C-alpha atoms as a PDB file:
ATOM      1  CA  UNK A   1     -44.775  15.099  -2.044  1.00  0.00           C
ATOM      2  CA  UNK A   2     -42.650  15.966  -5.077  1.00  0.00           C
ATOM      3  CA  UNK A   3     -39.597  14.251  -3.577  1.00  0.00           C
ATOM      4  CA  UNK A   4     -41.350  10.885  -3.512  1.00  0.00           C
ATOM      5  CA  UNK A   5     -40.977   8.197  -6.158  1.00  0.00           C
ATOM      6  CA  UNK A   6     -42.673   4.862  -6.709  1.00  0.00           C
ATOM      7  CA  UNK A   7     -40.725   1.659  -7.233  1.00  0.00           C
ATOM      8  CA  UNK A   8     -42.251  -1.778  -7.593  1.00  0.00           C
ATOM      9  CA  UNK A   9     -41.396  -5.431  -7.945  1.00  0.00           C
ATOM     10  CA  UNK A  10     -39.601  -7.738  -5.528  1.00  0.00           C
ATOM     11  CA  UNK A  11     -36.145  -7.236  -6.985  1.00  0.00           C
ATOM     12  CA  UNK A  12     -36.290  -3.441  -6.997  1.00  0.00           C
ATOM     13  CA  UNK A  13     -37.664  -3.188  -3.455  1.00  0.00           C
ATOM     14  CA  UNK A  14     -35.340  -5.828  -2.002  1.00  0.00           C
ATOM     15  CA  UNK A  15     -32.403  -4.027  -3.597  1.00  0.00           C
ATOM     16  CA  UNK A  16     -33.530  -0.735  -2.073  1.00  0.00           C
ATOM     17  CA  UNK A  17     -33.932  -2.404   1.340  1.00  0.00           C
ATOM     18  CA  UNK A  18     -30.359  -3.652   1.142  1.00  0.00           C
ATOM     19  CA  UNK A  19     -28.797  -0.443  -0.114  1.00  0.00           C
ATOM     20  CA  UNK A  20     -30.831   2.396   1.339  1.00  0.00           C
ATOM     21  CA  UNK A  21     -33.577   1.295   3.778  1.00  0.00           C
ATOM     22  CA  UNK A  22     -33.838   4.802   5.245  1.00  0.00           C
ATOM     23  CA  UNK A  23     -35.113   6.094   1.908  1.00  0.00           C
ATOM     24  CA  UNK A  24     -38.201   3.836   2.010  1.00  0.00           C
ATOM     25  CA  UNK A  25     -41.290   5.570   3.359  1.00  0.00           C
ATOM     26  CA  UNK A  26     -44.004   2.925   2.820  1.00  0.00           C
ATOM     27  CA  UNK A  27     -44.283  -0.563   1.377  1.00  0.00           C
ATOM     28  CA  UNK A  28     -47.632  -1.807   0.067  1.00  0.00           C
ATOM     29  CA  UNK A  29     -48.265  -5.489  -0.613  1.00  0.00           C
ATOM     30  CA  UNK A  30     -51.145  -7.373  -2.171  1.00  0.00           C
ATOM     31  CA  UNK A  31     -53.161  -8.784   0.724  1.00  0.00           C
ATOM     32  CA  UNK A  32     -53.717 -11.964  -1.291  1.00  0.00           C
ATOM     33  CA  UNK A  33     -50.008 -12.830  -1.401  1.00  0.00           C
ATOM     34  CA  UNK A  34     -48.940 -15.357   1.221  1.00  0.00           C
ATOM     35  CA  UNK A  35     -46.161 -17.140  -0.690  1.00  0.00           C
ATOM     36  CA  UNK A  36     -42.549 -17.559   0.398  1.00  0.00           C
ATOM     37  CA  UNK A  37     -41.311 -14.619  -1.650  1.00  0.00           C
ATOM     38  CA  UNK A  38     -43.811 -12.326   0.023  1.00  0.00           C
ATOM     39  CA  UNK A  39     -42.998 -13.696   3.484  1.00  0.00           C
ATOM     40  CA  UNK A  40     -39.273 -13.201   2.890  1.00  0.00           C
ATOM     41  CA  UNK A  41     -39.773  -9.578   1.889  1.00  0.00           C
ATOM     42  CA  UNK A  42     -41.992  -8.939   4.907  1.00  0.00           C
ATOM     43  CA  UNK A  43     -39.341 -10.403   7.209  1.00  0.00           C
ATOM     44  CA  UNK A  44     -36.598  -8.386   5.554  1.00  0.00           C
ATOM     45  CA  UNK A  45     -38.618  -5.179   5.881  1.00  0.00           C
ATOM     46  CA  UNK A  46     -39.468  -5.839   9.515  1.00  0.00           C
ATOM     47  CA  UNK A  47     -35.782  -6.407  10.245  1.00  0.00           C
ATOM     48  CA  UNK A  48     -35.280  -2.876   8.961  1.00  0.00           C
ATOM     49  CA  UNK A  49     -38.103  -1.629  11.222  1.00  0.00           C
ATOM     50  CA  UNK A  50     -40.396  -1.093   8.243  1.00  0.00           C
ATOM     51  CA  UNK A  51     -44.051  -2.101   8.332  1.00  0.00           C
ATOM     52  CA  UNK A  52     -45.817  -3.636   5.336  1.00  0.00           C
ATOM     53  CA  UNK A  53     -49.238  -2.185   4.447  1.00  0.00           C
ATOM     54  CA  UNK A  54     -51.488  -4.892   3.010  1.00  0.00           C
ATOM     55  CA  UNK A  55     -54.011  -3.709   0.442  1.00  0.00           C
ATOM     56  CA  UNK A  56     -56.022  -4.697  -2.611  1.00  0.00           C
ATOM     57  CA  UNK A  57     -54.360  -5.228  -5.966  1.00  0.00           C
ATOM     58  CA  UNK A  58     -56.346  -2.316  -7.410  1.00  0.00           C
ATOM     59  CA  UNK A  59     -54.571   0.097  -5.050  1.00  0.00           C
ATOM     60  CA  UNK A  60     -51.212  -1.270  -6.176  1.00  0.00           C
ATOM     61  CA  UNK A  61     -52.253  -0.790  -9.807  1.00  0.00           C
ATOM     62  CA  UNK A  62     -53.064   2.845  -9.068  1.00  0.00           C
ATOM     63  CA  UNK A  63     -49.800   3.443  -7.210  1.00  0.00           C
ATOM     64  CA  UNK A  64     -47.589   1.794  -9.845  1.00  0.00           C
ATOM     65  CA  UNK A  65     -49.588   3.003 -12.814  1.00  0.00           C
ATOM     66  CA  UNK A  66     -49.659  -0.534 -14.218  1.00  0.00           C
ATOM     67  CA  UNK A  67     -50.294  -4.143 -13.193  1.00  0.00           C
ATOM     68  CA  UNK A  68     -46.671  -5.335 -13.487  1.00  0.00           C
ATOM     69  CA  UNK A  69     -45.813  -4.662  -9.847  1.00  0.00           C
ATOM     70  CA  UNK A  70     -45.757  -8.359  -8.767  1.00  0.00           C
ATOM     71  CA  UNK A  71     -47.926  -7.474  -5.802  1.00  0.00           C
ATOM     72  CA  UNK A  72     -45.551  -5.083  -4.048  1.00  0.00           C
ATOM     73  CA  UNK A  73     -45.028  -1.313  -4.344  1.00  0.00           C
ATOM     74  CA  UNK A  74     -42.898   1.072  -2.297  1.00  0.00           C
ATOM     75  CA  UNK A  75     -42.893   4.835  -1.842  1.00  0.00           C
ATOM     76  CA  UNK A  76     -39.340   6.115  -1.513  1.00  0.00           C
ATOM     77  CA  UNK A  77     -37.694   9.438  -0.825  1.00  0.00           C
ATOM     78  CA  UNK A  78     -35.812  10.055  -4.055  1.00  0.00           C
ATOM     79  CA  UNK A  79     -33.684  12.709  -2.377  1.00  0.00           C
ATOM     80  CA  UNK A  80     -32.025  10.113  -0.131  1.00  0.00           C
ATOM     81  CA  UNK A  81     -29.374   8.434  -2.235  1.00  0.00           C
ATOM     82  CA  UNK A  82     -26.121   6.687  -1.521  1.00  0.00           C
ATOM     83  CA  UNK A  83     -23.534   9.233  -2.659  1.00  0.00           C
ATOM     84  CA  UNK A  84     -20.301   7.877  -1.182  1.00  0.00           C
ATOM     85  CA  UNK A  85     -18.573   4.733  -2.402  1.00  0.00           C
ATOM     86  CA  UNK A  86     -17.047   4.042   1.017  1.00  0.00           C
ATOM     87  CA  UNK A  87     -20.481   4.113   2.658  1.00  0.00           C
ATOM     88  CA  UNK A  88     -21.693   1.568   0.121  1.00  0.00           C
ATOM     89  CA  UNK A  89     -18.698  -0.774   0.358  1.00  0.00           C
ATOM     90  CA  UNK A  90     -18.650  -0.679   4.148  1.00  0.00           C
ATOM     91  CA  UNK A  91     -22.193  -2.037   4.306  1.00  0.00           C
ATOM     92  CA  UNK A  92     -21.954  -4.777   1.668  1.00  0.00           C
ATOM     93  CA  UNK A  93     -22.313  -8.346   2.903  1.00  0.00           C
ATOM     94  CA  UNK A  94     -21.133  -9.929  -0.374  1.00  0.00           C
ATOM     95  CA  UNK A  95     -18.300  -9.325  -2.855  1.00  0.00           C
ATOM     96  CA  UNK A  96     -18.675  -5.967  -4.573  1.00  0.00           C
ATOM     97  CA  UNK A  97     -19.885  -5.810  -8.172  1.00  0.00           C
ATOM     98  CA  UNK A  98     -19.414  -2.335  -9.601  1.00  0.00           C
ATOM     99  CA  UNK A  99     -19.876  -0.679 -12.987  1.00  0.00           C
ATOM    100  CA  UNK A 100     -17.708   2.335 -13.819  1.00  0.00           C
ATOM    101  CA  UNK A 101     -18.575   4.564 -16.775  1.00  0.00           C
ATOM    102  CA  UNK A 102     -15.762   6.862 -17.839  1.00  0.00           C
ATOM    103  CA  UNK A 103     -17.495   9.831 -19.423  1.00  0.00           C
ATOM    104  CA  UNK A 104     -20.773   8.588 -20.937  1.00  0.00           C
ATOM    105  CA  UNK A 105     -22.429  11.521 -22.719  1.00  0.00           C
ATOM    106  CA  UNK A 106     -25.738  10.122 -23.991  1.00  0.00           C
ATOM    107  CA  UNK A 107     -28.533   9.923 -21.375  1.00  0.00           C
ATOM    108  CA  UNK A 108     -30.105   7.043 -23.304  1.00  0.00           C
ATOM    109  CA  UNK A 109     -26.896   5.055 -22.903  1.00  0.00           C
ATOM    110  CA  UNK A 110     -26.672   5.844 -19.189  1.00  0.00           C
ATOM    111  CA  UNK A 111     -30.304   4.864 -18.659  1.00  0.00           C
ATOM    112  CA  UNK A 112     -29.764   1.584 -20.501  1.00  0.00           C
ATOM    113  CA  UNK A 113     -26.598   0.862 -18.487  1.00  0.00           C
ATOM    114  CA  UNK A 114     -28.451   1.464 -15.218  1.00  0.00           C
ATOM    115  CA  UNK A 115     -31.187  -0.909 -16.330  1.00  0.00           C
ATOM    116  CA  UNK A 116     -28.611  -3.593 -17.136  1.00  0.00           C
ATOM    117  CA  UNK A 117     -26.848  -2.952 -13.828  1.00  0.00           C
ATOM    118  CA  UNK A 118     -30.108  -3.564 -12.001  1.00  0.00           C
ATOM    119  CA  UNK A 119     -30.720  -6.764 -13.971  1.00  0.00           C
ATOM    120  CA  UNK A 120     -27.377  -8.225 -12.836  1.00  0.00           C
ATOM    121  CA  UNK A 121     -27.466  -6.950  -9.224  1.00  0.00           C
ATOM    122  CA  UNK A 122     -24.637  -4.444  -9.613  1.00  0.00           C
ATOM    123  CA  UNK A 123     -24.132  -2.668  -6.303  1.00  0.00           C
ATOM    124  CA  UNK A 124     -23.357   0.765  -7.772  1.00  0.00           C
ATOM    125  CA  UNK A 125     -22.631   2.640 -10.984  1.00  0.00           C
ATOM    126  CA  UNK A 126     -19.748   5.104 -10.668  1.00  0.00           C
ATOM    127  CA  UNK A 127     -19.039   8.008 -13.016  1.00  0.00           C
ATOM    128  CA  UNK A 128     -16.987  11.218 -13.036  1.00  0.00           C
ATOM    129  CA  UNK A 129     -18.779  14.408 -12.067  1.00  0.00           C
ATOM    130  CA  UNK A 130     -17.416  16.342 -15.026  1.00  0.00           C
ATOM    131  CA  UNK A 131     -17.674  15.688 -18.762  1.00  0.00           C
ATOM    132  CA  UNK A 132     -20.369  13.055 -18.290  1.00  0.00           C
ATOM    133  CA  UNK A 133     -24.148  12.963 -18.279  1.00  0.00           C
ATOM    134  CA  UNK A 134     -25.873  12.856 -14.898  1.00  0.00           C
ATOM    135  CA  UNK A 135     -29.267  11.665 -13.750  1.00  0.00           C
ATOM    136  CA  UNK A 136     -31.827  13.618 -15.744  1.00  0.00           C
ATOM    137  CA  UNK A 137     -35.409  12.979 -16.814  1.00  0.00           C
ATOM    138  CA  UNK A 138     -34.336  11.051 -19.913  1.00  0.00           C
ATOM    139  CA  UNK A 139     -32.102   8.770 -17.848  1.00  0.00           C
ATOM    140  CA  UNK A 140     -34.951   8.095 -15.421  1.00  0.00           C
ATOM    141  CA  UNK A 141     -37.316   7.252 -18.251  1.00  0.00           C
ATOM    142  CA  UNK A 142     -34.926   4.972 -20.150  1.00  0.00           C
ATOM    143  CA  UNK A 143     -33.776   3.182 -16.994  1.00  0.00           C
ATOM    144  CA  UNK A 144     -37.346   1.989 -16.267  1.00  0.00           C
ATOM    145  CA  UNK A 145     -36.897   2.557 -12.547  1.00  0.00           C
ATOM    146  CA  UNK A 146     -33.283   1.398 -12.260  1.00  0.00           C
ATOM    147  CA  UNK A 147     -32.126   4.966 -11.600  1.00  0.00           C
ATOM    148  CA  UNK A 148     -33.844   4.589  -8.240  1.00  0.00           C
ATOM    149  CA  UNK A 149     -32.738   1.044  -7.453  1.00  0.00           C
ATOM    150  CA  UNK A 150     -29.055   1.213  -8.428  1.00  0.00           C
ATOM    151  CA  UNK A 151     -26.897   3.770  -6.577  1.00  0.00           C
ATOM    152  CA  UNK A 152     -25.344   6.244  -9.022  1.00  0.00           C
ATOM    153  CA  UNK A 153     -22.221   7.693  -7.453  1.00  0.00           C
ATOM    154  CA  UNK A 154     -20.249  10.543  -9.015  1.00  0.00           C
ATOM    155  CA  UNK A 155     -16.608  11.192  -8.125  1.00  0.00           C
ATOM    156  CA  UNK A 156     -14.309  14.152  -8.729  1.00  0.00           C
ATOM    157  CA  UNK A 157     -11.232  12.059  -9.561  1.00  0.00           C
ATOM    158  CA  UNK A 158     -11.929   8.733 -11.237  1.00  0.00           C
ATOM    159  CA  UNK A 159      -8.284   7.621 -11.310  1.00  0.00           C
ATOM    160  CA  UNK A 160      -8.001   8.094  -7.556  1.00  0.00           C
ATOM    161  CA  UNK A 161     -11.234   6.182  -7.059  1.00  0.00           C
ATOM    162  CA  UNK A 162      -9.856   3.245  -9.061  1.00  0.00           C
ATOM    163  CA  UNK A 163      -6.750   3.201  -6.880  1.00  0.00           C
ATOM    164  CA  UNK A 164      -8.904   3.213  -3.740  1.00  0.00           C
ATOM    165  CA  UNK A 165     -10.980   0.316  -5.071  1.00  0.00           C
ATOM    166  CA  UNK A 166      -7.814  -1.687  -5.706  1.00  0.00           C
ATOM    167  CA  UNK A 167      -6.689  -0.970  -2.149  1.00  0.00           C
ATOM    168  CA  UNK A 168      -9.904  -2.691  -1.067  1.00  0.00           C
ATOM    169  CA  UNK A 169      -8.888  -5.758  -3.125  1.00  0.00           C
ATOM    170  CA  UNK A 170     -11.465  -5.082  -5.834  1.00  0.00           C
ATOM    171  CA  UNK A 171     -10.295  -6.193  -9.278  1.00  0.00           C
ATOM    172  CA  UNK A 172     -10.572  -3.328 -11.768  1.00  0.00           C
ATOM    173  CA  UNK A 173     -11.174  -4.610 -15.310  1.00  0.00           C
ATOM    174  CA  UNK A 174     -11.120  -2.197 -18.227  1.00  0.00           C
ATOM    175  CA  UNK A 175     -12.547  -2.802 -21.688  1.00  0.00           C
ATOM    176  CA  UNK A 176     -11.099  -1.946 -25.092  1.00  0.00           C
ATOM    177  CA  UNK A 177     -11.076  -3.409 -28.582  1.00  0.00           C
ATOM    178  CA  UNK A 178      -7.287  -3.834 -28.514  1.00  0.00           C
ATOM    179  CA  UNK A 179      -7.125  -5.419 -25.048  1.00  0.00           C
ATOM    180  CA  UNK A 180      -4.846  -8.367 -24.364  1.00  0.00           C
ATOM    181  CA  UNK A 181      -7.469 -10.655 -22.829  1.00  0.00           C
ATOM    182  CA  UNK A 182     -10.479 -12.149 -24.641  1.00  0.00           C
ATOM    183  CA  UNK A 183     -13.670 -12.137 -22.564  1.00  0.00           C
ATOM    184  CA  UNK A 184     -14.467 -15.680 -23.657  1.00  0.00           C
ATOM    185  CA  UNK A 185     -11.283 -16.987 -22.029  1.00  0.00           C
ATOM    186  CA  UNK A 186     -10.963 -14.629 -19.071  1.00  0.00           C
ATOM    187  CA  UNK A 187     -11.576 -15.736 -15.481  1.00  0.00           C
ATOM    188  CA  UNK A 188     -13.572 -13.062 -13.672  1.00  0.00           C
ATOM    189  CA  UNK A 189     -12.816 -12.944  -9.967  1.00  0.00           C
ATOM    190  CA  UNK A 190     -15.058 -11.050  -7.568  1.00  0.00           C
ATOM    191  CA  UNK A 191     -15.092  -8.488  -6.085  1.00  0.00           C
ATOM    192  CA  UNK A 192     -14.926  -6.733  -9.428  1.00  0.00           C
ATOM    193  CA  UNK A 193     -15.327  -3.303 -10.996  1.00  0.00           C
ATOM    194  CA  UNK A 194     -15.936  -3.228 -14.762  1.00  0.00           C
ATOM    195  CA  UNK A 195     -14.755  -0.036 -16.467  1.00  0.00           C
ATOM    196  CA  UNK A 196     -16.138   1.228 -19.800  1.00  0.00           C
ATOM    197  CA  UNK A 197     -15.103   4.283 -21.748  1.00  0.00           C
ATOM    198  CA  UNK A 198     -17.154   6.979 -23.416  1.00  0.00           C
ATOM    199  CA  UNK A 199     -18.916   6.680 -26.739  1.00  0.00           C
ATOM    200  CA  UNK A 200     -16.411   6.928 -29.548  1.00  0.00           C
ATOM    201  CA  UNK A 201     -13.339   7.731 -27.444  1.00  0.00           C
ATOM    202  CA  UNK A 202     -13.135   4.780 -25.066  1.00  0.00           C
ATOM    203  CA  UNK A 203     -11.172   4.869 -21.821  1.00  0.00           C
ATOM    204  CA  UNK A 204      -9.031   7.859 -20.970  1.00  0.00           C
ATOM    205  CA  UNK A 205      -5.306   7.163 -20.579  1.00  0.00           C
ATOM    206  CA  UNK A 206      -5.161   7.495 -16.789  1.00  0.00           C
ATOM    207  CA  UNK A 207      -8.265   5.388 -16.398  1.00  0.00           C
ATOM    208  CA  UNK A 208      -6.748   2.640 -18.514  1.00  0.00           C
ATOM    209  CA  UNK A 209      -3.448   2.770 -16.638  1.00  0.00           C
ATOM    210  CA  UNK A 210      -5.257   2.185 -13.354  1.00  0.00           C
ATOM    211  CA  UNK A 211      -6.995  -1.011 -14.521  1.00  0.00           C
ATOM    212  CA  UNK A 212      -5.646  -4.366 -13.353  1.00  0.00           C
ATOM    213  CA  UNK A 213      -6.584  -6.042 -16.629  1.00  0.00           C
ATOM    214  CA  UNK A 214      -7.873  -5.015 -20.039  1.00  0.00           C
ATOM    215  CA  UNK A 215     -10.463  -7.253 -21.703  1.00  0.00           C
ATOM    216  CA  UNK A 216     -12.000  -7.211 -25.178  1.00  0.00           C
ATOM    217  CA  UNK A 217     -15.280  -8.650 -26.442  1.00  0.00           C
ATOM    218  CA  UNK A 218     -14.561 -10.943 -29.412  1.00  0.00           C
ATOM    219  CA  UNK A 219     -15.978  -9.462 -32.609  1.00  0.00           C
ATOM    220  CA  UNK A 220     -16.534 -12.075 -35.329  1.00  0.00           C
ATOM    221  CA  UNK A 221     -18.207  -9.935 -37.994  1.00  0.00           C
ATOM    222  CA  UNK A 222     -17.275  -6.828 -39.947  1.00  0.00           C
ATOM    223  CA  UNK A 223     -18.380  -4.309 -37.312  1.00  0.00           C
ATOM    224  CA  UNK A 224     -15.517  -3.255 -35.025  1.00  0.00           C
ATOM    225  CA  UNK A 225     -17.457  -2.056 -31.979  1.00  0.00           C
ATOM    226  CA  UNK A 226     -20.732  -2.303 -30.080  1.00  0.00           C
ATOM    227  CA  UNK A 227     -22.989   0.228 -28.400  1.00  0.00           C
ATOM    228  CA  UNK A 228     -21.810   0.886 -24.838  1.00  0.00           C
ATOM    229  CA  UNK A 229     -24.920  -0.586 -23.213  1.00  0.00           C
ATOM    230  CA  UNK A 230     -24.632  -3.744 -25.332  1.00  0.00           C
ATOM    231  CA  UNK A 231     -20.999  -4.146 -24.268  1.00  0.00           C
ATOM    232  CA  UNK A 232     -21.970  -3.616 -20.628  1.00  0.00           C
ATOM    233  CA  UNK A 233     -24.698  -6.243 -20.917  1.00  0.00           C
ATOM    234  CA  UNK A 234     -22.331  -8.825 -22.407  1.00  0.00           C
ATOM    235  CA  UNK A 235     -19.659  -8.341 -19.736  1.00  0.00           C
ATOM    236  CA  UNK A 236     -22.096  -8.283 -16.819  1.00  0.00           C
ATOM    237  CA  UNK A 237     -23.838 -11.391 -18.101  1.00  0.00           C
ATOM    238  CA  UNK A 238     -20.500 -13.201 -18.354  1.00  0.00           C
ATOM    239  CA  UNK A 239     -19.711 -12.139 -14.796  1.00  0.00           C
ATOM    240  CA  UNK A 240     -23.051 -13.532 -13.659  1.00  0.00           C
ATOM    241  CA  UNK A 241     -22.582 -16.738 -15.665  1.00  0.00           C
ATOM    242  CA  UNK A 242     -19.203 -17.418 -14.121  1.00  0.00           C
ATOM    243  CA  UNK A 243     -20.466 -16.626 -10.630  1.00  0.00           C
ATOM    244  CA  UNK A 244     -23.356 -19.101 -10.734  1.00  0.00           C
ATOM    245  CA  UNK A 245     -21.167 -21.749 -12.378  1.00  0.00           C
ATOM    246  CA  UNK A 246     -18.758 -21.891  -9.440  1.00  0.00           C
END
């Protein structure tokens, strides 16, 4: 069916099981895999009342279109997406890690940000409905599957959303070149929502005013700024580094 999409790999499928199990139609696994990672995924799926279909690796290659599937492929209903931030936060079993993009215009940048968000287990990417690029074919292609594994939630009023996140005790951290705090010396406390502005213009005034802190990435060379996806990658990596160091 045209509404179906293929995702593959343990991380992508486990993430989908956590965030939107109802969207998973079938899970196929290499019949030769009996390791702990495979057993854990099988148990997780069965807890969600989903049955694993064991098959030959050649079938997985055909489904995924490549041999980089790690022995597991899922068919999902792409129409079923998490669209409400409250629904997402109410079901999380760990501190929230969110990425907020205030008006990204370039689909290549959005796709790259989604891919980075997937790499660092971000629970959702949030963006305004207006004056920002949405999920289109270019975003899907650039994201390399992350557009299906990371919930992309659009909101009508980003400032109000930031206030609601703070009411849930989520630290909202904005980014700007003139920010008071240096990322290299800033303690990141979870739950956290990182906020990045649009290409060229940065954060809008109301967005910036609703951040708890403003942080800058130290720039040691002659260039004054970085591509948005590079900045996102640096900040999310630092968040991950601090989390595993505690």
